[in-house]
Amino acid sequence: MNLKEQLEKPFLDDELEFRVGATNSDKTKGLALAYIQARAIQNRLDEVVGIENWRVSYKEINGGFLAKLELKINNEWIAKEDGANVTDYEAIKGGISSAFKRAASVWGIGRYLCEIESQWLPIEQKGKAYIFKETPKLNNKDQENNSNNNTSKEERAKNIELTFGKYKGKTLGDIFNENKEYLVYLIANSKDTKIVNACKYLLNFKEVA
């Protein structure tokens, strides 16, 4: 297994956490958004490249933080970076943690979570926020998709079908060919990370056949 495959290997269920994204109109169900615990990412880096061969630094930017994650490969430090806004809860700590997770995703760590099928699950209110009544888990279909490399990422992104809006029933590939600006709109307004990341991915291509 090469470095890329080791970094991108799916995580165990107990290394994942879920937060409530969008909610339905009567607030009985919420969209389960999966993400990796920062500690699990740190453990992955320790195991794959060694504790002495990775480092992370942060830069405060307007409204958030930029994380630069560097790996030492063939005696050369290679950096990739990404940023995140401060969060509603523990704003600074949360912003730093989110930036670290996004920088790790640029390296491929946990990126598969952006492609899993959305799950709407029962929720209940706790204070001002909403929580899931039961701890979400990736379903069997998601687990199978994580290990199935027969379909390229580009094809998976193109085949995502919208279930809302003026392009309801059309795939992102169709919309790309018809109106690229709508993908930009989805990136700015959709709460479904799978759709957002697919749009970002497709916009890096000059054409979608």
N, C-alpha and C. Protein backbone atom coordinates (compact mmCIF):
# COMPACT_ATOMS: atom_id res chain seq x y z
N MET A 1 0.85 -1.19 0.00
CA MET A 1 0.00 0.00 0.00
C MET A 1 0.89 1.24 0.00
N ASN A 2 0.71 2.12 -1.00
CA ASN A 2 1.55 3.31 -1.08
C ASN A 2 1.07 4.40 -0.11
N LEU A 3 1.82 5.51 -0.06
CA LEU A 3 1.52 6.58 0.89
C LEU A 3 0.11 7.12 0.69
N LYS A 4 -0.26 7.36 -0.55
CA LYS A 4 -1.60 7.90 -0.84
C LYS A 4 -2.69 6.98 -0.32
N GLU A 5 -2.55 5.71 -0.57
CA GLU A 5 -3.55 4.74 -0.13
C GLU A 5 -3.62 4.65 1.38
N GLN A 6 -2.47 4.75 2.05
CA GLN A 6 -2.45 4.69 3.51
C GLN A 6 -3.13 5.91 4.12
N LEU A 7 -2.89 7.07 3.54
CA LEU A 7 -3.51 8.30 4.05
C LEU A 7 -5.02 8.28 3.82
N GLU A 8 -5.45 7.76 2.67
CA GLU A 8 -6.86 7.81 2.30
C GLU A 8 -7.69 6.66 2.85
N LYS A 9 -7.06 5.74 3.56
CA LYS A 9 -7.78 4.57 4.09
C LYS A 9 -8.94 5.02 4.99
N PRO A 10 -10.14 4.42 4.81
CA PRO A 10 -11.29 4.80 5.64
C PRO A 10 -11.04 4.59 7.13
N PHE A 11 -11.70 5.38 7.94
CA PHE A 11 -11.55 5.32 9.39
C PHE A 11 -12.60 4.39 10.00
N LEU A 12 -12.34 3.96 11.21
CA LEU A 12 -13.30 3.16 11.96
C LEU A 12 -14.46 4.04 12.40
N ASP A 13 -15.61 3.41 12.66
CA ASP A 13 -16.80 4.17 13.06
C ASP A 13 -16.56 5.00 14.31
N ASP A 14 -15.79 4.46 15.27
CA ASP A 14 -15.60 5.20 16.52
C ASP A 14 -14.60 6.34 16.37
N GLU A 15 -14.02 6.51 15.18
CA GLU A 15 -13.14 7.64 14.91
C GLU A 15 -13.88 8.77 14.19
N LEU A 16 -15.17 8.53 13.93
CA LEU A 16 -15.99 9.50 13.23
C LEU A 16 -16.96 10.18 14.18
N GLU A 17 -17.34 11.38 13.84
CA GLU A 17 -18.38 12.10 14.55
C GLU A 17 -19.36 12.67 13.53
N PHE A 18 -20.56 12.98 14.00
CA PHE A 18 -21.59 13.52 13.11
C PHE A 18 -22.19 14.76 13.72
N ARG A 19 -22.49 15.72 12.87
CA ARG A 19 -23.23 16.91 13.33
C ARG A 19 -24.46 17.08 12.46
N VAL A 20 -25.43 17.80 13.01
CA VAL A 20 -26.67 18.05 12.28
C VAL A 20 -26.45 19.19 11.30
N GLY A 21 -26.72 18.92 10.03
CA GLY A 21 -26.63 19.97 9.02
C GLY A 21 -27.98 20.62 8.86
N ALA A 22 -28.57 20.51 7.71
CA ALA A 22 -29.91 21.05 7.48
C ALA A 22 -30.95 20.24 8.25
N THR A 23 -32.09 20.84 8.53
CA THR A 23 -33.20 20.14 9.19
C THR A 23 -34.44 20.25 8.32
N ASN A 24 -35.38 19.32 8.52
CA ASN A 24 -36.63 19.42 7.77
C ASN A 24 -37.53 20.48 8.40
N SER A 25 -38.67 20.74 7.77
CA SER A 25 -39.50 21.87 8.18
C SER A 25 -40.04 21.75 9.60
N ASP A 26 -40.34 20.53 10.06
CA ASP A 26 -40.88 20.38 11.41
C ASP A 26 -39.81 20.00 12.44
N LYS A 27 -38.55 20.08 12.04
CA LYS A 27 -37.41 19.87 12.95
C LYS A 27 -37.42 18.48 13.60
N THR A 28 -37.88 17.48 12.86
CA THR A 28 -37.87 16.12 13.39
C THR A 28 -36.72 15.28 12.83
N LYS A 29 -36.17 15.72 11.70
CA LYS A 29 -35.06 15.01 11.10
C LYS A 29 -33.97 16.00 10.67
N GLY A 30 -32.73 15.52 10.70
CA GLY A 30 -31.62 16.37 10.32
C GLY A 30 -30.67 15.63 9.39
N LEU A 31 -29.94 16.39 8.59
CA LEU A 31 -28.95 15.82 7.69
C LEU A 31 -27.68 15.49 8.48
N ALA A 32 -27.27 14.23 8.44
CA ALA A 32 -26.10 13.78 9.19
C ALA A 32 -24.83 14.05 8.40
N LEU A 33 -23.99 14.95 8.90
CA LEU A 33 -22.73 15.28 8.25
C LEU A 33 -21.59 14.63 9.04
N ALA A 34 -20.86 13.74 8.36
CA ALA A 34 -19.79 12.98 9.03
C ALA A 34 -18.47 13.72 8.93
N TYR A 35 -17.70 13.66 10.00
CA TYR A 35 -16.35 14.22 9.98
C TYR A 35 -15.45 13.42 10.91
N ILE A 36 -14.16 13.61 10.75
CA ILE A 36 -13.18 12.83 11.52
C ILE A 36 -12.72 13.62 12.73
N GLN A 37 -12.50 12.93 13.81
CA GLN A 37 -11.93 13.56 14.98
C GLN A 37 -10.49 13.99 14.68
N ALA A 38 -10.11 15.16 15.16
CA ALA A 38 -8.74 15.66 14.93
C ALA A 38 -7.71 14.68 15.47
N ARG A 39 -8.00 14.06 16.59
CA ARG A 39 -7.06 13.11 17.18
C ARG A 39 -6.85 11.90 16.28
N ALA A 40 -7.92 11.47 15.59
CA ALA A 40 -7.79 10.34 14.67
C ALA A 40 -6.87 10.70 13.50
N ILE A 41 -6.96 11.94 13.03
CA ILE A 41 -6.07 12.40 11.95
C ILE A 41 -4.63 12.42 12.43
N GLN A 42 -4.42 12.90 13.65
CA GLN A 42 -3.07 12.94 14.21
C GLN A 42 -2.50 11.53 14.32
N ASN A 43 -3.32 10.59 14.77
CA ASN A 43 -2.88 9.20 14.88
C ASN A 43 -2.54 8.62 13.51
N ARG A 44 -3.36 8.96 12.50
CA ARG A 44 -3.10 8.47 11.15
C ARG A 44 -1.75 8.98 10.65
N LEU A 45 -1.47 10.24 10.87
CA LEU A 45 -0.20 10.82 10.43
C LEU A 45 0.98 10.19 11.18
N ASP A 46 0.82 9.98 12.49
CA ASP A 46 1.88 9.34 13.28
C ASP A 46 2.19 7.95 12.72
N GLU A 47 1.14 7.21 12.41
CA GLU A 47 1.30 5.82 11.96
C GLU A 47 1.87 5.73 10.55
N VAL A 48 1.44 6.63 9.66
CA VAL A 48 1.80 6.52 8.25
C VAL A 48 3.16 7.14 7.94
N VAL A 49 3.39 8.36 8.45
CA VAL A 49 4.65 9.05 8.10
C VAL A 49 5.62 9.15 9.27
N GLY A 50 5.13 8.90 10.51
CA GLY A 50 5.99 9.00 11.69
C GLY A 50 5.84 10.35 12.37
N ILE A 51 5.98 10.35 13.69
CA ILE A 51 5.72 11.57 14.46
C ILE A 51 6.68 12.70 14.11
N GLU A 52 7.86 12.34 13.60
CA GLU A 52 8.86 13.36 13.28
C GLU A 52 8.74 13.87 11.85
N ASN A 53 7.81 13.32 11.08
CA ASN A 53 7.75 13.63 9.65
C ASN A 53 6.49 14.38 9.24
N TRP A 54 5.81 14.99 10.20
CA TRP A 54 4.70 15.86 9.85
C TRP A 54 4.63 17.01 10.85
N ARG A 55 4.12 18.13 10.39
CA ARG A 55 3.98 19.30 11.25
C ARG A 55 2.87 20.18 10.69
N VAL A 56 2.26 20.95 11.59
CA VAL A 56 1.17 21.83 11.17
C VAL A 56 1.36 23.20 11.80
N SER A 57 1.06 24.22 11.05
CA SER A 57 1.13 25.60 11.56
C SER A 57 -0.14 26.33 11.14
N TYR A 58 -0.46 27.41 11.87
CA TYR A 58 -1.72 28.11 11.64
C TYR A 58 -1.47 29.61 11.45
N LYS A 59 -2.31 30.20 10.62
CA LYS A 59 -2.25 31.64 10.40
C LYS A 59 -3.66 32.19 10.54
N GLU A 60 -3.82 33.20 11.36
CA GLU A 60 -5.14 33.80 11.54
C GLU A 60 -5.49 34.65 10.32
N ILE A 61 -6.66 34.44 9.79
CA ILE A 61 -7.14 35.21 8.65
C ILE A 61 -8.47 35.85 9.05
N ASN A 62 -9.01 36.65 8.19
CA ASN A 62 -10.26 37.34 8.49
C ASN A 62 -11.39 36.35 8.76
N GLY A 63 -11.81 36.25 10.02
CA GLY A 63 -12.92 35.37 10.38
C GLY A 63 -12.57 33.93 10.60
N GLY A 64 -11.29 33.58 10.59
CA GLY A 64 -10.93 32.18 10.78
C GLY A 64 -9.45 31.93 10.79
N PHE A 65 -9.07 30.72 10.37
CA PHE A 65 -7.67 30.31 10.41
C PHE A 65 -7.30 29.54 9.14
N LEU A 66 -6.04 29.67 8.75
CA LEU A 66 -5.48 28.90 7.65
C LEU A 66 -4.48 27.92 8.23
N ALA A 67 -4.66 26.63 7.93
CA ALA A 67 -3.76 25.59 8.43
C ALA A 67 -2.84 25.12 7.31
N LYS A 68 -1.56 25.02 7.62
CA LYS A 68 -0.59 24.47 6.67
C LYS A 68 -0.06 23.17 7.24
N LEU A 69 -0.40 22.06 6.56
CA LEU A 69 0.02 20.73 7.00
C LEU A 69 1.16 20.26 6.10
N GLU A 70 2.32 20.00 6.70
CA GLU A 70 3.49 19.60 5.94
C GLU A 70 3.89 18.16 6.27
N LEU A 71 4.19 17.40 5.23
CA LEU A 71 4.70 16.04 5.39
C LEU A 71 6.11 15.97 4.81
N LYS A 72 6.97 15.24 5.50
CA LYS A 72 8.34 15.06 5.01
C LYS A 72 8.39 13.80 4.15
N ILE A 73 8.58 14.01 2.85
CA ILE A 73 8.59 12.91 1.89
C ILE A 73 9.91 12.95 1.13
N ASN A 74 10.64 11.84 1.20
CA ASN A 74 11.96 11.78 0.55
C ASN A 74 12.85 12.94 0.98
N ASN A 75 12.84 13.19 2.31
CA ASN A 75 13.67 14.24 2.92
C ASN A 75 13.31 15.65 2.46
N GLU A 76 12.12 15.82 1.93
CA GLU A 76 11.67 17.15 1.52
C GLU A 76 10.32 17.45 2.15
N TRP A 77 10.19 18.64 2.75
CA TRP A 77 8.93 19.04 3.35
C TRP A 77 7.98 19.55 2.27
N ILE A 78 6.81 18.92 2.18
CA ILE A 78 5.81 19.30 1.20
C ILE A 78 4.58 19.80 1.96
N ALA A 79 4.10 20.97 1.60
CA ALA A 79 3.00 21.60 2.34
C ALA A 79 1.72 21.67 1.51
N LYS A 80 0.60 21.46 2.18
CA LYS A 80 -0.72 21.70 1.61
C LYS A 80 -1.53 22.42 2.67
N GLU A 81 -2.41 23.31 2.24
CA GLU A 81 -3.13 24.12 3.22
C GLU A 81 -4.58 24.35 2.82
N ASP A 82 -5.36 24.67 3.84
CA ASP A 82 -6.77 25.02 3.66
C ASP A 82 -7.20 25.77 4.92
N GLY A 83 -8.34 26.42 4.85
CA GLY A 83 -8.77 27.24 5.99
C GLY A 83 -10.21 26.99 6.38
N ALA A 84 -10.59 27.57 7.50
CA ALA A 84 -11.96 27.44 8.01
C ALA A 84 -12.29 28.65 8.87
N ASN A 85 -13.58 28.96 8.94
CA ASN A 85 -14.04 30.04 9.80
C ASN A 85 -14.03 29.61 11.25
N VAL A 86 -14.08 30.58 12.16
CA VAL A 86 -14.26 30.25 13.57
C VAL A 86 -15.64 29.61 13.72
N THR A 87 -15.82 28.82 14.77
CA THR A 87 -17.08 28.09 14.96
C THR A 87 -17.94 28.78 16.02
N ASP A 88 -19.20 28.39 16.08
CA ASP A 88 -20.11 28.98 17.07
C ASP A 88 -19.75 28.57 18.49
N TYR A 89 -19.22 27.34 18.63
CA TYR A 89 -18.87 26.83 19.96
C TYR A 89 -17.35 26.76 20.06
N GLU A 90 -16.78 27.34 21.13
CA GLU A 90 -15.33 27.42 21.28
C GLU A 90 -14.71 27.93 19.99
N ALA A 91 -15.01 29.19 19.67
CA ALA A 91 -14.75 29.75 18.35
C ALA A 91 -13.31 29.55 17.87
N ILE A 92 -12.31 29.91 18.69
CA ILE A 92 -10.93 29.83 18.25
C ILE A 92 -10.47 28.38 18.13
N LYS A 93 -10.72 27.60 19.20
CA LYS A 93 -10.32 26.19 19.17
C LYS A 93 -11.03 25.45 18.04
N GLY A 94 -12.31 25.73 17.87
CA GLY A 94 -13.07 25.07 16.81
C GLY A 94 -12.59 25.46 15.43
N GLY A 95 -12.24 26.74 15.25
CA GLY A 95 -11.75 27.20 13.96
C GLY A 95 -10.42 26.57 13.59
N ILE A 96 -9.53 26.46 14.59
CA ILE A 96 -8.22 25.83 14.36
C ILE A 96 -8.40 24.36 14.01
N SER A 97 -9.26 23.67 14.77
CA SER A 97 -9.49 22.25 14.53
C SER A 97 -10.09 22.02 13.14
N SER A 98 -11.04 22.87 12.75
CA SER A 98 -11.67 22.72 11.43
C SER A 98 -10.66 22.97 10.32
N ALA A 99 -9.79 23.95 10.50
CA ALA A 99 -8.77 24.24 9.48
C ALA A 99 -7.81 23.06 9.34
N PHE A 100 -7.45 22.44 10.47
CA PHE A 100 -6.57 21.28 10.44
C PHE A 100 -7.21 20.13 9.68
N LYS A 101 -8.49 19.89 9.93
CA LYS A 101 -9.20 18.80 9.25
C LYS A 101 -9.28 19.06 7.75
N ARG A 102 -9.49 20.31 7.37
CA ARG A 102 -9.59 20.62 5.95
C ARG A 102 -8.23 20.48 5.26
N ALA A 103 -7.17 20.88 5.95
CA ALA A 103 -5.83 20.71 5.39
C ALA A 103 -5.52 19.23 5.22
N ALA A 104 -5.95 18.42 6.20
CA ALA A 104 -5.74 16.98 6.10
C ALA A 104 -6.50 16.40 4.91
N SER A 105 -7.70 16.95 4.64
CA SER A 105 -8.49 16.48 3.51
C SER A 105 -7.79 16.77 2.19
N VAL A 106 -7.05 17.87 2.13
CA VAL A 106 -6.30 18.19 0.91
C VAL A 106 -5.28 17.08 0.63
N TRP A 107 -4.76 16.47 1.70
CA TRP A 107 -3.85 15.33 1.56
C TRP A 107 -4.60 14.03 1.27
N GLY A 108 -5.92 14.07 1.30
CA GLY A 108 -6.73 12.88 1.03
C GLY A 108 -7.26 12.20 2.28
N ILE A 109 -6.89 12.69 3.45
CA ILE A 109 -7.31 12.06 4.71
C ILE A 109 -8.78 12.37 4.97
N GLY A 110 -9.61 11.34 4.94
CA GLY A 110 -11.03 11.51 5.21
C GLY A 110 -11.83 12.14 4.09
N ARG A 111 -11.21 12.34 2.94
CA ARG A 111 -11.91 13.01 1.84
C ARG A 111 -13.11 12.20 1.36
N TYR A 112 -13.06 10.90 1.53
CA TYR A 112 -14.17 10.04 1.08
C TYR A 112 -15.48 10.39 1.77
N LEU A 113 -15.40 11.02 2.95
CA LEU A 113 -16.62 11.35 3.68
C LEU A 113 -17.44 12.40 2.95
N CYS A 114 -16.80 13.16 2.06
CA CYS A 114 -17.52 14.17 1.28
C CYS A 114 -18.39 13.52 0.21
N GLU A 115 -18.18 12.24 -0.04
CA GLU A 115 -18.86 11.58 -1.15
C GLU A 115 -19.92 10.57 -0.69
N ILE A 116 -20.11 10.42 0.62
CA ILE A 116 -21.07 9.44 1.09
C ILE A 116 -22.50 9.94 0.86
N GLU A 117 -23.40 9.02 0.77
CA GLU A 117 -24.79 9.37 0.54
C GLU A 117 -25.38 10.03 1.78
N SER A 118 -26.11 11.11 1.58
CA SER A 118 -26.69 11.86 2.69
C SER A 118 -27.72 11.02 3.45
N GLN A 119 -27.73 11.17 4.78
CA GLN A 119 -28.70 10.46 5.61
C GLN A 119 -29.52 11.47 6.40
N TRP A 120 -30.84 11.32 6.36
CA TRP A 120 -31.73 12.14 7.18
C TRP A 120 -32.18 11.28 8.36
N LEU A 121 -31.85 11.72 9.58
CA LEU A 121 -32.09 10.91 10.77
C LEU A 121 -32.86 11.70 11.82
N PRO A 122 -33.59 10.99 12.71
CA PRO A 122 -34.36 11.67 13.76
C PRO A 122 -33.48 12.51 14.68
N ILE A 123 -33.97 13.72 15.02
CA ILE A 123 -33.23 14.63 15.89
C ILE A 123 -34.13 15.13 17.02
N GLU A 124 -33.50 15.72 18.02
CA GLU A 124 -34.23 16.36 19.11
C GLU A 124 -33.48 17.61 19.52
N GLN A 125 -34.20 18.56 20.08
CA GLN A 125 -33.57 19.82 20.47
C GLN A 125 -32.89 19.69 21.81
N LYS A 126 -31.68 20.27 21.91
CA LYS A 126 -30.93 20.31 23.16
C LYS A 126 -30.38 21.72 23.29
N GLY A 127 -31.01 22.49 24.17
CA GLY A 127 -30.65 23.90 24.27
C GLY A 127 -31.06 24.62 23.00
N LYS A 128 -30.12 25.34 22.40
CA LYS A 128 -30.40 26.03 21.15
C LYS A 128 -30.05 25.20 19.92
N ALA A 129 -29.45 24.05 20.15
CA ALA A 129 -29.00 23.22 19.03
C ALA A 129 -29.85 21.96 18.92
N TYR A 130 -29.55 21.18 17.89
CA TYR A 130 -30.22 19.90 17.67
C TYR A 130 -29.18 18.78 17.67
N ILE A 131 -29.57 17.64 18.23
CA ILE A 131 -28.70 16.47 18.26
C ILE A 131 -29.47 15.27 17.72
N PHE A 132 -28.73 14.25 17.32
CA PHE A 132 -29.38 13.03 16.83
C PHE A 132 -29.86 12.19 18.01
N LYS A 133 -31.01 11.56 17.86
CA LYS A 133 -31.54 10.73 18.92
C LYS A 133 -30.69 9.48 19.12
N GLU A 134 -30.10 8.99 18.05
CA GLU A 134 -29.18 7.86 18.12
C GLU A 134 -27.92 8.21 17.34
N THR A 135 -26.78 7.66 17.76
CA THR A 135 -25.52 7.96 17.10
C THR A 135 -25.54 7.45 15.66
N PRO A 136 -25.35 8.32 14.68
CA PRO A 136 -25.34 7.88 13.28
C PRO A 136 -24.14 7.00 12.98
N LYS A 137 -24.28 6.19 11.97
CA LYS A 137 -23.17 5.38 11.46
C LYS A 137 -23.25 5.36 9.94
N LEU A 138 -22.10 5.14 9.30
CA LEU A 138 -22.13 4.97 7.86
C LEU A 138 -22.88 3.69 7.54
N ASN A 139 -23.76 3.74 6.54
CA ASN A 139 -24.49 2.52 6.20
C ASN A 139 -23.64 1.60 5.33
N ASN A 140 -24.11 0.40 5.13
CA ASN A 140 -23.33 -0.60 4.38
C ASN A 140 -23.02 -0.14 2.96
N LYS A 141 -23.94 0.59 2.36
CA LYS A 141 -23.72 1.08 1.00
C LYS A 141 -22.54 2.03 0.97
N ASP A 142 -22.46 2.91 1.99
CA ASP A 142 -21.34 3.84 2.06
C ASP A 142 -20.03 3.09 2.20
N GLN A 143 -20.00 2.08 3.07
CA GLN A 143 -18.78 1.32 3.29
C GLN A 143 -18.34 0.63 2.02
N GLU A 144 -19.31 0.10 1.25
CA GLU A 144 -18.96 -0.55 -0.01
C GLU A 144 -18.40 0.46 -1.00
N ASN A 145 -19.00 1.65 -1.04
CA ASN A 145 -18.54 2.67 -1.97
C ASN A 145 -17.14 3.15 -1.65
N ASN A 146 -16.80 3.15 -0.35
CA ASN A 146 -15.48 3.61 0.05
C ASN A 146 -14.38 2.73 -0.51
N SER A 147 -14.67 1.44 -0.66
CA SER A 147 -13.66 0.51 -1.13
C SER A 147 -13.79 0.18 -2.62
N ASN A 148 -14.75 0.82 -3.27
CA ASN A 148 -14.98 0.55 -4.68
C ASN A 148 -14.38 1.67 -5.52
N ASN A 149 -13.32 1.36 -6.24
CA ASN A 149 -12.63 2.37 -7.03
C ASN A 149 -12.93 2.23 -8.52
N ASN A 150 -13.96 1.47 -8.89
CA ASN A 150 -14.24 1.24 -10.29
C ASN A 150 -14.77 2.49 -10.98
N THR A 151 -15.44 3.37 -10.22
CA THR A 151 -15.98 4.59 -10.76
C THR A 151 -15.10 5.74 -10.34
N SER A 152 -14.68 6.55 -11.27
CA SER A 152 -13.79 7.66 -10.96
C SER A 152 -14.53 8.72 -10.15
N LYS A 153 -13.75 9.54 -9.45
CA LYS A 153 -14.34 10.61 -8.66
C LYS A 153 -15.11 11.57 -9.56
N GLU A 154 -14.59 11.81 -10.75
CA GLU A 154 -15.26 12.71 -11.68
C GLU A 154 -16.63 12.16 -12.06
N GLU A 155 -16.70 10.86 -12.34
CA GLU A 155 -17.97 10.26 -12.72
C GLU A 155 -18.96 10.31 -11.58
N ARG A 156 -18.49 10.04 -10.34
CA ARG A 156 -19.39 10.09 -9.18
C ARG A 156 -19.93 11.50 -9.00
N ALA A 157 -19.07 12.50 -9.20
CA ALA A 157 -19.51 13.89 -9.05
C ALA A 157 -20.54 14.24 -10.12
N LYS A 158 -20.28 13.84 -11.36
CA LYS A 158 -21.20 14.16 -12.46
C LYS A 158 -22.56 13.50 -12.28
N ASN A 159 -22.60 12.33 -11.64
CA ASN A 159 -23.83 11.56 -11.56
C ASN A 159 -24.71 11.92 -10.37
N ILE A 160 -24.27 12.85 -9.52
CA ILE A 160 -25.11 13.27 -8.39
C ILE A 160 -26.34 14.01 -8.93
N GLU A 161 -27.51 13.57 -8.52
CA GLU A 161 -28.77 14.15 -9.00
C GLU A 161 -29.37 15.06 -7.94
N LEU A 162 -29.76 16.26 -8.33
CA LEU A 162 -30.37 17.20 -7.39
C LEU A 162 -31.82 16.81 -7.12
N THR A 163 -32.23 16.99 -5.88
CA THR A 163 -33.60 16.67 -5.49
C THR A 163 -34.37 17.92 -5.08
N PHE A 164 -33.85 19.09 -5.50
CA PHE A 164 -34.46 20.36 -5.11
C PHE A 164 -34.12 21.41 -6.16
N GLY A 165 -34.81 22.57 -6.07
CA GLY A 165 -34.47 23.71 -6.92
C GLY A 165 -34.92 23.58 -8.36
N LYS A 166 -34.51 24.56 -9.15
CA LYS A 166 -34.97 24.61 -10.54
C LYS A 166 -34.38 23.51 -11.40
N TYR A 167 -33.29 22.87 -10.93
CA TYR A 167 -32.68 21.79 -11.68
C TYR A 167 -32.97 20.43 -11.04
N LYS A 168 -34.04 20.36 -10.30
CA LYS A 168 -34.44 19.10 -9.67
C LYS A 168 -34.57 17.99 -10.71
N GLY A 169 -33.93 16.84 -10.43
CA GLY A 169 -33.98 15.72 -11.36
C GLY A 169 -32.83 15.68 -12.33
N LYS A 170 -32.02 16.74 -12.37
CA LYS A 170 -30.87 16.77 -13.27
C LYS A 170 -29.59 16.47 -12.49
N THR A 171 -28.60 15.93 -13.18
CA THR A 171 -27.32 15.63 -12.53
C THR A 171 -26.42 16.84 -12.58
N LEU A 172 -25.39 16.83 -11.72
CA LEU A 172 -24.43 17.94 -11.72
C LEU A 172 -23.69 18.02 -13.05
N GLY A 173 -23.48 16.87 -13.70
CA GLY A 173 -22.84 16.88 -15.01
C GLY A 173 -23.68 17.61 -16.04
N ASP A 174 -25.00 17.38 -16.01
CA ASP A 174 -25.91 18.06 -16.92
C ASP A 174 -25.92 19.57 -16.64
N ILE A 175 -25.96 19.92 -15.36
CA ILE A 175 -26.00 21.33 -14.98
C ILE A 175 -24.70 22.03 -15.36
N PHE A 176 -23.58 21.31 -15.21
CA PHE A 176 -22.28 21.88 -15.59
C PHE A 176 -22.31 22.31 -17.06
N ASN A 177 -22.84 21.45 -17.90
CA ASN A 177 -22.88 21.76 -19.33
C ASN A 177 -23.87 22.87 -19.66
N GLU A 178 -24.93 22.97 -18.85
CA GLU A 178 -26.00 23.93 -19.15
C GLU A 178 -25.77 25.28 -18.49
N ASN A 179 -25.31 25.27 -17.24
CA ASN A 179 -25.20 26.53 -16.48
C ASN A 179 -24.18 26.37 -15.35
N LYS A 180 -22.90 26.60 -15.65
CA LYS A 180 -21.85 26.43 -14.65
C LYS A 180 -22.05 27.34 -13.45
N GLU A 181 -22.65 28.51 -13.68
CA GLU A 181 -22.84 29.46 -12.58
C GLU A 181 -23.72 28.89 -11.47
N TYR A 182 -24.59 27.94 -11.83
CA TYR A 182 -25.45 27.35 -10.80
C TYR A 182 -24.63 26.48 -9.86
N LEU A 183 -23.53 25.88 -10.35
CA LEU A 183 -22.65 25.13 -9.46
C LEU A 183 -21.99 26.06 -8.46
N VAL A 184 -21.64 27.26 -8.92
CA VAL A 184 -21.07 28.27 -8.02
C VAL A 184 -22.10 28.63 -6.94
N TYR A 185 -23.36 28.76 -7.38
CA TYR A 185 -24.44 29.05 -6.43
C TYR A 185 -24.58 27.94 -5.39
N LEU A 186 -24.49 26.69 -5.83
CA LEU A 186 -24.61 25.56 -4.90
C LEU A 186 -23.46 25.55 -3.89
N ILE A 187 -22.27 25.88 -4.34
CA ILE A 187 -21.12 25.91 -3.44
C ILE A 187 -21.36 26.92 -2.32
N ALA A 188 -21.97 28.04 -2.66
CA ALA A 188 -22.19 29.10 -1.67
C ALA A 188 -23.40 28.86 -0.79
N ASN A 189 -24.37 28.08 -1.27
CA ASN A 189 -25.64 27.99 -0.55
C ASN A 189 -26.06 26.61 -0.07
N SER A 190 -25.53 25.54 -0.66
CA SER A 190 -25.96 24.21 -0.25
C SER A 190 -25.34 23.83 1.10
N LYS A 191 -26.11 23.14 1.91
CA LYS A 191 -25.61 22.64 3.20
C LYS A 191 -25.18 21.18 3.11
N ASP A 192 -25.29 20.62 1.92
CA ASP A 192 -24.89 19.23 1.70
C ASP A 192 -23.43 19.22 1.23
N THR A 193 -22.52 18.79 2.11
CA THR A 193 -21.09 18.84 1.78
C THR A 193 -20.75 17.96 0.57
N LYS A 194 -21.52 16.91 0.37
CA LYS A 194 -21.29 16.05 -0.80
C LYS A 194 -21.50 16.83 -2.08
N ILE A 195 -22.57 17.60 -2.15
CA ILE A 195 -22.86 18.40 -3.33
C ILE A 195 -21.84 19.52 -3.49
N VAL A 196 -21.53 20.18 -2.39
CA VAL A 196 -20.57 21.29 -2.44
C VAL A 196 -19.22 20.83 -2.97
N ASN A 197 -18.71 19.73 -2.43
CA ASN A 197 -17.40 19.24 -2.86
C ASN A 197 -17.42 18.71 -4.29
N ALA A 198 -18.52 18.12 -4.70
CA ALA A 198 -18.64 17.65 -6.08
C ALA A 198 -18.62 18.84 -7.05
N CYS A 199 -19.30 19.92 -6.68
CA CYS A 199 -19.31 21.12 -7.53
C CYS A 199 -17.90 21.71 -7.64
N LYS A 200 -17.21 21.78 -6.50
CA LYS A 200 -15.85 22.31 -6.51
C LYS A 200 -14.96 21.45 -7.40
N TYR A 201 -15.15 20.14 -7.31
CA TYR A 201 -14.33 19.23 -8.11
C TYR A 201 -14.61 19.42 -9.60
N LEU A 202 -15.87 19.50 -9.96
CA LEU A 202 -16.22 19.62 -11.38
C LEU A 202 -15.76 20.94 -11.98
N LEU A 203 -15.76 21.99 -11.20
CA LEU A 203 -15.36 23.29 -11.73
C LEU A 203 -13.88 23.38 -12.01
N ASN A 204 -13.12 22.36 -11.58
CA ASN A 204 -11.69 22.30 -11.92
C ASN A 204 -11.48 21.72 -13.30
N PHE A 205 -12.55 21.19 -13.92
CA PHE A 205 -12.45 20.58 -15.23
C PHE A 205 -12.93 21.56 -16.29
N LYS A 206 -12.29 21.54 -17.45
CA LYS A 206 -12.67 22.46 -18.52
C LYS A 206 -13.96 22.03 -19.20
N GLU A 207 -14.23 20.73 -19.18
CA GLU A 207 -15.49 20.27 -19.75
C GLU A 207 -15.87 18.94 -19.12
N VAL A 208 -17.15 18.69 -19.11
CA VAL A 208 -17.67 17.43 -18.60
C VAL A 208 -18.45 16.79 -19.72
N ALA A 209 -17.97 15.63 -20.19
CA ALA A 209 -18.61 14.99 -21.34
C ALA A 209 -19.86 14.25 -20.90
